[in-house]
Protein backbone atom coordinates (compact mmCIF):
# COMPACT_ATOMS: atom_id res chain seq x y z
CA UNK A 1 1.20 -8.19 -46.63
CA UNK A 2 -1.31 -6.73 -44.23
CA UNK A 3 -2.26 -3.15 -44.97
CA UNK A 4 -1.16 -3.30 -48.61
CA UNK A 5 -1.90 0.00 -50.31
CA UNK A 6 -4.24 -0.55 -53.25
CA UNK A 7 -3.70 3.05 -54.34
CA UNK A 8 0.03 2.38 -54.78
CA UNK A 9 -0.67 -0.61 -57.01
CA UNK A 10 -3.35 1.37 -58.80
CA UNK A 11 -0.93 4.17 -59.65
CA UNK A 12 1.46 1.62 -61.20
CA UNK A 13 -1.32 0.29 -63.40
CA UNK A 14 -2.38 3.62 -64.87
CA UNK A 15 -5.48 3.96 -62.72
CA UNK A 16 -8.54 1.93 -61.91
CA UNK A 17 -12.14 3.07 -62.00
CA UNK A 18 -13.40 4.24 -58.63
CA UNK A 19 -16.13 1.54 -58.46
CA UNK A 20 -13.43 -1.12 -58.89
CA UNK A 21 -11.32 0.36 -56.10
CA UNK A 22 -14.34 0.57 -53.81
CA UNK A 23 -15.22 -3.06 -54.58
CA UNK A 24 -11.62 -4.18 -53.99
CA UNK A 25 -11.56 -2.46 -50.62
CA UNK A 26 -14.73 -4.31 -49.60
CA UNK A 27 -13.16 -7.73 -50.15
CA UNK A 28 -11.78 -9.66 -47.18
CA UNK A 29 -8.09 -8.87 -46.71
CA UNK A 30 -6.69 -12.15 -48.08
CA UNK A 31 -8.88 -12.04 -51.16
CA UNK A 32 -7.91 -8.42 -51.80
CA UNK A 33 -4.22 -9.22 -51.33
CA UNK A 34 -4.44 -12.15 -53.74
CA UNK A 35 -6.11 -9.97 -56.39
CA UNK A 36 -3.58 -7.16 -55.99
CA UNK A 37 -0.58 -9.50 -56.22
CA UNK A 38 -1.91 -11.75 -58.97
CA UNK A 39 -3.81 -9.29 -61.14
CA UNK A 40 -2.53 -5.79 -60.51
CA UNK A 41 1.12 -6.68 -59.91
CA UNK A 42 1.01 -9.59 -62.40
CA UNK A 43 2.72 -12.13 -60.15
CA UNK A 44 2.24 -15.81 -60.94
CA UNK A 45 0.26 -18.03 -58.59
CA UNK A 46 3.36 -19.59 -57.04
CA UNK A 47 4.97 -16.23 -56.28
CA UNK A 48 1.70 -14.88 -54.93
CA UNK A 49 1.43 -17.93 -52.67
CA UNK A 50 4.96 -17.38 -51.35
CA UNK A 51 4.24 -13.70 -50.68
CA UNK A 52 1.08 -14.60 -48.76
CA UNK A 53 2.59 -17.62 -47.02
CA UNK A 54 -0.07 -20.00 -48.33
CA UNK A 55 -0.35 -22.88 -50.81
CA UNK A 56 -0.97 -22.12 -54.51
CA UNK A 57 -4.39 -23.79 -54.23
CA UNK A 58 -5.31 -21.34 -51.49
CA UNK A 59 -4.40 -18.43 -53.77
CA UNK A 60 -6.64 -19.88 -56.49
CA UNK A 61 -9.49 -20.25 -53.99
CA UNK A 62 -9.07 -16.66 -52.78
CA UNK A 63 -9.01 -15.42 -56.37
CA UNK A 64 -12.09 -17.40 -57.31
CA UNK A 65 -14.06 -16.07 -54.36
CA UNK A 66 -12.82 -12.53 -54.93
CA UNK A 67 -13.73 -12.55 -58.61
CA UNK A 68 -17.18 -13.92 -57.81
CA UNK A 69 -17.70 -11.12 -55.27
CA UNK A 70 -16.40 -8.47 -57.67
CA UNK A 71 -18.63 -9.70 -60.49
CA UNK A 72 -21.61 -9.70 -58.13
CA UNK A 73 -20.90 -6.13 -57.04
CA UNK A 74 -19.75 -4.67 -60.36
CA UNK A 75 -21.83 -6.74 -62.76
CA UNK A 76 -20.22 -7.61 -66.07
CA UNK A 77 -17.45 -5.01 -65.63
CA UNK A 78 -15.04 -7.62 -64.23
CA UNK A 79 -13.12 -9.53 -66.88
CA UNK A 80 -11.66 -12.99 -66.29
CA UNK A 81 -8.25 -12.87 -64.60
CA UNK A 82 -6.46 -13.83 -67.80
CA UNK A 83 -7.86 -10.73 -69.50
CA UNK A 84 -7.09 -8.43 -66.55
CA UNK A 85 -3.39 -9.22 -66.44
CA UNK A 86 -1.10 -6.72 -68.09
CA UNK A 87 0.89 -7.71 -71.13
């Protein structure tokens, strides 16, 4: 999944705010990939884990760390993952 294009996922989701994209790009690659697959592409944890070649618990850890980093950088703009997923 290396080199995944956030802009491509962003265009599918109707656009993200620039500060969110900047913050996503600053995340370590695995955390960014987990967020893109789980949140932007709305894959479940198990599918995300298969795509990344890791255990589901590793995906959860990456997501937790990523969301903490995003909240730190963006403040209260970052909603919990369950609220960020598309319907």
